[in-house]
């Protein structure tokens, strides 16, 4: 199985299929620190990253923003002193797409390289 970090996001249109339970079961082990959350009936992937200070948290936020722009897929980001909460879901389909798992893996790679 290829690493999610090697994949690119595909353009997602309204009506594109959400990942199935079987696909989630296959993809989730590749991003073990991420949690499935549901807000207003919309499944989302979320992880809180910890940092020593606000400067590190902000640098991480900016790095995630850069890959989001490169891939054309954008998360919700909450930057606080010592932590950044990243939430991925596909707004157009109001749920999870493979793109969200790809971006979660890429977000982990940024954190691990820092």
N, C-alpha and C. Protein backbone atom coordinates (compact mmCIF):
# COMPACT_ATOMS: atom_id res chain seq x y z
N UNK A 1 0.84 -1.17 0.00
CA UNK A 1 0.00 0.00 0.00
C UNK A 1 0.89 1.24 0.00
N UNK A 2 0.64 2.15 -0.90
CA UNK A 2 1.43 3.38 -1.01
C UNK A 2 1.14 4.30 0.17
N UNK A 3 2.14 5.06 0.54
CA UNK A 3 1.98 6.01 1.63
C UNK A 3 1.03 7.13 1.21
N UNK A 4 0.16 7.53 2.11
CA UNK A 4 -0.76 8.63 1.82
C UNK A 4 0.00 9.92 1.52
N UNK A 5 1.18 10.09 2.12
CA UNK A 5 1.93 11.33 1.90
C UNK A 5 2.42 11.46 0.47
N UNK A 6 2.48 10.35 -0.27
CA UNK A 6 2.93 10.39 -1.66
C UNK A 6 1.79 10.72 -2.62
N UNK A 7 0.57 10.71 -2.12
CA UNK A 7 -0.59 10.97 -2.97
C UNK A 7 -0.89 12.46 -3.06
N UNK A 8 -1.58 12.85 -4.13
CA UNK A 8 -2.03 14.22 -4.31
C UNK A 8 -3.55 14.24 -4.18
N UNK A 9 -4.06 15.35 -3.69
CA UNK A 9 -5.51 15.52 -3.61
C UNK A 9 -6.08 15.64 -5.02
N UNK A 10 -7.25 15.09 -5.20
CA UNK A 10 -7.96 15.24 -6.46
C UNK A 10 -9.07 16.27 -6.28
N UNK A 11 -9.39 16.97 -7.34
CA UNK A 11 -10.47 17.94 -7.27
C UNK A 11 -11.75 17.21 -6.89
N UNK A 12 -12.45 17.75 -5.93
CA UNK A 12 -13.64 17.10 -5.41
C UNK A 12 -14.85 17.99 -5.71
N UNK A 13 -15.84 17.41 -6.32
CA UNK A 13 -17.06 18.15 -6.66
C UNK A 13 -18.19 17.76 -5.73
N UNK A 14 -19.16 18.64 -5.64
CA UNK A 14 -20.35 18.34 -4.88
C UNK A 14 -20.94 17.05 -5.43
N UNK A 15 -21.31 16.14 -4.53
CA UNK A 15 -21.85 14.86 -4.95
C UNK A 15 -20.81 13.75 -5.07
N UNK A 16 -19.52 14.09 -4.92
CA UNK A 16 -18.48 13.06 -4.94
C UNK A 16 -18.74 12.11 -3.77
N UNK A 17 -18.39 10.85 -3.93
CA UNK A 17 -18.68 9.89 -2.85
C UNK A 17 -17.78 10.12 -1.62
N UNK A 18 -18.39 9.97 -0.47
CA UNK A 18 -17.63 9.99 0.77
C UNK A 18 -16.94 8.63 0.93
N UNK A 19 -15.90 8.59 1.76
CA UNK A 19 -15.25 7.31 2.03
C UNK A 19 -16.24 6.38 2.73
N UNK A 20 -16.12 5.11 2.44
CA UNK A 20 -16.97 4.10 3.07
C UNK A 20 -16.37 3.68 4.40
N UNK A 21 -17.14 2.96 5.19
CA UNK A 21 -16.63 2.43 6.46
C UNK A 21 -15.42 1.53 6.22
N UNK A 22 -15.45 0.76 5.13
CA UNK A 22 -14.33 -0.12 4.80
C UNK A 22 -13.08 0.69 4.45
N UNK A 23 -13.26 1.77 3.71
CA UNK A 23 -12.12 2.63 3.37
C UNK A 23 -11.55 3.31 4.61
N UNK A 24 -12.42 3.74 5.49
CA UNK A 24 -11.95 4.34 6.75
C UNK A 24 -11.13 3.32 7.53
N UNK A 25 -11.60 2.09 7.60
CA UNK A 25 -10.88 1.04 8.32
C UNK A 25 -9.51 0.78 7.71
N UNK A 26 -9.38 0.96 6.40
CA UNK A 26 -8.10 0.79 5.72
C UNK A 26 -7.18 2.00 5.93
N UNK A 27 -7.74 3.19 5.90
CA UNK A 27 -6.95 4.43 5.96
C UNK A 27 -6.59 4.86 7.37
N UNK A 28 -7.47 4.64 8.33
CA UNK A 28 -7.26 5.11 9.70
C UNK A 28 -5.95 4.64 10.33
N UNK A 29 -5.53 3.39 10.13
CA UNK A 29 -4.26 2.95 10.72
C UNK A 29 -3.04 3.73 10.21
N UNK A 30 -3.17 4.38 9.05
CA UNK A 30 -2.07 5.16 8.51
C UNK A 30 -1.95 6.52 9.18
N UNK A 31 -2.98 6.92 9.92
CA UNK A 31 -2.97 8.19 10.66
C UNK A 31 -3.50 7.93 12.08
N UNK A 32 -2.80 7.11 12.85
CA UNK A 32 -3.34 6.61 14.13
C UNK A 32 -3.63 7.67 15.20
N UNK A 33 -3.01 8.83 15.12
CA UNK A 33 -3.22 9.87 16.13
C UNK A 33 -4.47 10.72 15.86
N UNK A 34 -5.08 10.52 14.71
CA UNK A 34 -6.25 11.30 14.33
C UNK A 34 -7.52 10.63 14.86
N UNK A 35 -8.48 11.48 15.24
CA UNK A 35 -9.75 10.99 15.77
C UNK A 35 -10.88 11.37 14.83
N UNK A 36 -11.83 10.46 14.69
CA UNK A 36 -13.04 10.77 13.94
C UNK A 36 -14.00 11.51 14.86
N UNK A 37 -14.40 12.68 14.45
CA UNK A 37 -15.35 13.49 15.20
C UNK A 37 -16.55 13.75 14.32
N UNK A 38 -17.69 13.98 14.92
CA UNK A 38 -18.87 14.35 14.14
C UNK A 38 -19.43 15.65 14.71
N UNK A 39 -19.56 16.62 13.83
CA UNK A 39 -20.12 17.92 14.22
C UNK A 39 -21.25 18.28 13.27
N UNK A 40 -22.40 18.54 13.83
CA UNK A 40 -23.59 18.87 13.03
C UNK A 40 -23.83 17.82 11.94
N UNK A 41 -23.59 16.56 12.31
CA UNK A 41 -23.82 15.46 11.39
C UNK A 41 -22.75 15.26 10.34
N UNK A 42 -21.64 15.99 10.44
CA UNK A 42 -20.57 15.91 9.45
C UNK A 42 -19.35 15.23 10.07
N UNK A 43 -18.95 14.06 9.53
CA UNK A 43 -17.75 13.40 10.06
C UNK A 43 -16.50 14.19 9.66
N UNK A 44 -15.57 14.26 10.60
CA UNK A 44 -14.33 15.02 10.40
C UNK A 44 -13.17 14.29 11.05
N UNK A 45 -11.96 14.56 10.55
CA UNK A 45 -10.73 14.06 11.17
C UNK A 45 -10.12 15.19 11.97
N UNK A 46 -9.70 14.89 13.20
CA UNK A 46 -9.14 15.95 14.04
C UNK A 46 -7.96 15.43 14.86
N UNK A 47 -6.98 16.31 15.01
CA UNK A 47 -5.82 16.01 15.85
C UNK A 47 -5.32 17.29 16.48
N UNK A 48 -4.88 17.18 17.73
CA UNK A 48 -4.26 18.29 18.44
C UNK A 48 -2.76 18.03 18.51
N UNK A 49 -1.99 18.99 18.02
CA UNK A 49 -0.53 18.92 18.06
C UNK A 49 -0.04 19.82 19.19
N UNK A 50 0.98 19.36 19.91
CA UNK A 50 1.53 20.11 21.05
C UNK A 50 2.87 20.74 20.70
N UNK A 51 3.10 21.94 21.24
CA UNK A 51 4.33 22.69 21.00
C UNK A 51 4.80 23.33 22.30
N UNK A 52 6.07 23.76 22.31
CA UNK A 52 6.65 24.37 23.51
C UNK A 52 6.21 25.81 23.71
N UNK A 53 5.76 26.46 22.61
CA UNK A 53 5.39 27.87 22.73
C UNK A 53 4.51 28.28 21.54
N UNK A 54 4.10 29.53 21.54
CA UNK A 54 3.24 30.03 20.48
C UNK A 54 3.98 30.16 19.16
N UNK A 55 5.25 30.54 19.20
CA UNK A 55 6.03 30.71 17.98
C UNK A 55 6.08 29.40 17.19
N UNK A 56 6.34 28.29 17.86
CA UNK A 56 6.37 26.99 17.19
C UNK A 56 4.99 26.61 16.66
N UNK A 57 3.96 26.88 17.44
CA UNK A 57 2.59 26.57 17.01
C UNK A 57 2.23 27.38 15.76
N UNK A 58 2.61 28.64 15.75
CA UNK A 58 2.30 29.48 14.59
C UNK A 58 3.08 29.06 13.35
N UNK A 59 4.34 28.68 13.53
CA UNK A 59 5.14 28.20 12.39
C UNK A 59 4.50 26.94 11.80
N UNK A 60 4.04 26.04 12.65
CA UNK A 60 3.38 24.83 12.18
C UNK A 60 2.09 25.18 11.43
N UNK A 61 1.31 26.09 11.99
CA UNK A 61 0.08 26.53 11.34
C UNK A 61 0.38 27.06 9.94
N UNK A 62 1.40 27.88 9.81
CA UNK A 62 1.77 28.43 8.51
C UNK A 62 2.22 27.33 7.54
N UNK A 63 2.95 26.34 8.04
CA UNK A 63 3.40 25.23 7.17
C UNK A 63 2.20 24.41 6.69
N UNK A 64 1.23 24.18 7.57
CA UNK A 64 0.02 23.46 7.16
C UNK A 64 -0.75 24.29 6.13
N UNK A 65 -0.80 25.59 6.34
CA UNK A 65 -1.45 26.47 5.37
C UNK A 65 -0.81 26.41 4.00
N UNK A 66 0.50 26.29 3.96
CA UNK A 66 1.20 26.21 2.68
C UNK A 66 0.84 24.93 1.92
N UNK A 67 0.83 23.79 2.61
CA UNK A 67 0.47 22.55 1.89
C UNK A 67 -1.00 22.56 1.51
N UNK A 68 -1.83 23.18 2.34
CA UNK A 68 -3.26 23.28 2.01
C UNK A 68 -3.44 24.05 0.70
N UNK A 69 -2.72 25.15 0.57
CA UNK A 69 -2.79 25.94 -0.67
C UNK A 69 -2.25 25.14 -1.85
N UNK A 70 -1.13 24.44 -1.66
CA UNK A 70 -0.54 23.63 -2.73
C UNK A 70 -1.50 22.55 -3.21
N UNK A 71 -2.23 21.94 -2.29
CA UNK A 71 -3.13 20.83 -2.63
C UNK A 71 -4.54 21.32 -2.97
N UNK A 72 -4.85 22.57 -2.68
CA UNK A 72 -6.19 23.07 -2.93
C UNK A 72 -7.24 22.47 -2.01
N UNK A 73 -6.82 22.13 -0.78
CA UNK A 73 -7.72 21.51 0.20
C UNK A 73 -7.37 22.12 1.55
N UNK A 74 -8.35 22.70 2.24
CA UNK A 74 -8.06 23.53 3.39
C UNK A 74 -8.75 23.03 4.67
N UNK A 75 -8.01 23.03 5.78
CA UNK A 75 -8.55 22.56 7.05
C UNK A 75 -9.09 23.72 7.89
N UNK A 76 -9.70 23.35 8.98
CA UNK A 76 -9.96 24.30 10.06
C UNK A 76 -8.73 24.23 10.96
N UNK A 77 -8.20 25.38 11.33
CA UNK A 77 -7.00 25.46 12.17
C UNK A 77 -7.30 26.34 13.38
N UNK A 78 -6.99 25.82 14.57
CA UNK A 78 -7.10 26.60 15.79
C UNK A 78 -5.70 26.65 16.40
N UNK A 79 -5.09 27.83 16.36
CA UNK A 79 -3.74 28.00 16.88
C UNK A 79 -3.82 28.68 18.24
N UNK A 80 -3.22 28.04 19.24
CA UNK A 80 -3.20 28.57 20.60
C UNK A 80 -1.78 28.46 21.14
N UNK A 81 -1.53 29.05 22.30
CA UNK A 81 -0.23 28.90 22.92
C UNK A 81 -0.03 27.41 23.19
N UNK A 82 0.99 26.84 22.58
CA UNK A 82 1.37 25.45 22.85
C UNK A 82 0.59 24.37 22.12
N UNK A 83 -0.37 24.76 21.28
CA UNK A 83 -1.09 23.71 20.55
C UNK A 83 -1.73 24.24 19.28
N UNK A 84 -1.94 23.32 18.36
CA UNK A 84 -2.68 23.60 17.14
C UNK A 84 -3.64 22.43 16.92
N UNK A 85 -4.92 22.76 16.78
CA UNK A 85 -5.92 21.75 16.46
C UNK A 85 -6.19 21.85 14.96
N UNK A 86 -6.04 20.72 14.27
CA UNK A 86 -6.25 20.66 12.83
C UNK A 86 -7.44 19.74 12.58
N UNK A 87 -8.38 20.22 11.78
CA UNK A 87 -9.57 19.44 11.45
C UNK A 87 -9.74 19.41 9.94
N UNK A 88 -9.79 18.20 9.41
CA UNK A 88 -9.97 18.00 7.96
C UNK A 88 -11.32 17.38 7.69
N UNK A 89 -12.02 17.89 6.70
CA UNK A 89 -13.20 17.28 6.10
C UNK A 89 -13.42 17.98 4.78
N UNK A 90 -14.24 17.39 3.94
CA UNK A 90 -14.47 17.96 2.62
C UNK A 90 -15.80 18.69 2.64
N UNK A 91 -15.70 20.01 2.59
CA UNK A 91 -16.87 20.86 2.72
C UNK A 91 -17.92 20.58 1.64
N UNK A 92 -17.48 20.37 0.41
CA UNK A 92 -18.42 20.20 -0.72
C UNK A 92 -19.31 18.97 -0.57
N UNK A 93 -18.79 17.93 0.09
CA UNK A 93 -19.59 16.71 0.23
C UNK A 93 -20.06 16.54 1.67
N UNK A 94 -19.75 17.50 2.53
CA UNK A 94 -20.16 17.46 3.94
C UNK A 94 -19.81 16.13 4.59
N UNK A 95 -18.54 15.73 4.38
CA UNK A 95 -18.08 14.48 4.96
C UNK A 95 -16.62 14.23 4.63
N UNK A 96 -16.22 13.00 4.76
CA UNK A 96 -14.83 12.63 4.55
C UNK A 96 -14.61 12.05 3.17
N UNK A 97 -13.51 12.45 2.57
CA UNK A 97 -13.05 11.99 1.26
C UNK A 97 -11.62 11.48 1.46
N UNK A 98 -11.11 10.72 0.55
CA UNK A 98 -9.72 10.25 0.65
C UNK A 98 -8.76 11.43 0.81
N UNK A 99 -9.08 12.57 0.18
CA UNK A 99 -8.25 13.77 0.32
C UNK A 99 -7.98 14.12 1.77
N UNK A 100 -8.97 13.94 2.64
CA UNK A 100 -8.81 14.30 4.05
C UNK A 100 -7.76 13.42 4.73
N UNK A 101 -7.73 12.16 4.37
CA UNK A 101 -6.74 11.24 4.92
C UNK A 101 -5.35 11.56 4.37
N UNK A 102 -5.28 11.91 3.10
CA UNK A 102 -4.01 12.32 2.49
C UNK A 102 -3.46 13.54 3.23
N UNK A 103 -4.32 14.52 3.45
CA UNK A 103 -3.87 15.76 4.10
C UNK A 103 -3.53 15.54 5.57
N UNK A 104 -4.25 14.66 6.23
CA UNK A 104 -3.91 14.33 7.62
C UNK A 104 -2.50 13.73 7.67
N UNK A 105 -2.20 12.81 6.76
CA UNK A 105 -0.86 12.20 6.72
C UNK A 105 0.20 13.23 6.42
N UNK A 106 -0.08 14.15 5.51
CA UNK A 106 0.88 15.21 5.19
C UNK A 106 1.07 16.16 6.37
N UNK A 107 0.02 16.40 7.11
CA UNK A 107 0.11 17.25 8.31
C UNK A 107 1.01 16.57 9.35
N UNK A 108 0.83 15.26 9.53
CA UNK A 108 1.71 14.51 10.44
C UNK A 108 3.17 14.60 10.01
N UNK A 109 3.41 14.52 8.70
CA UNK A 109 4.78 14.58 8.19
C UNK A 109 5.41 15.93 8.49
N UNK A 110 4.65 17.00 8.40
CA UNK A 110 5.17 18.33 8.76
C UNK A 110 5.55 18.36 10.23
N UNK A 111 4.69 17.84 11.07
CA UNK A 111 4.95 17.84 12.52
C UNK A 111 6.20 17.02 12.84
N UNK A 112 6.31 15.84 12.21
CA UNK A 112 7.44 14.97 12.49
C UNK A 112 8.76 15.54 11.98
N UNK A 113 8.70 16.37 10.96
CA UNK A 113 9.93 16.96 10.41
C UNK A 113 10.38 18.21 11.19
N UNK A 114 9.49 18.71 12.04
CA UNK A 114 9.81 19.93 12.79
C UNK A 114 10.56 19.63 14.00
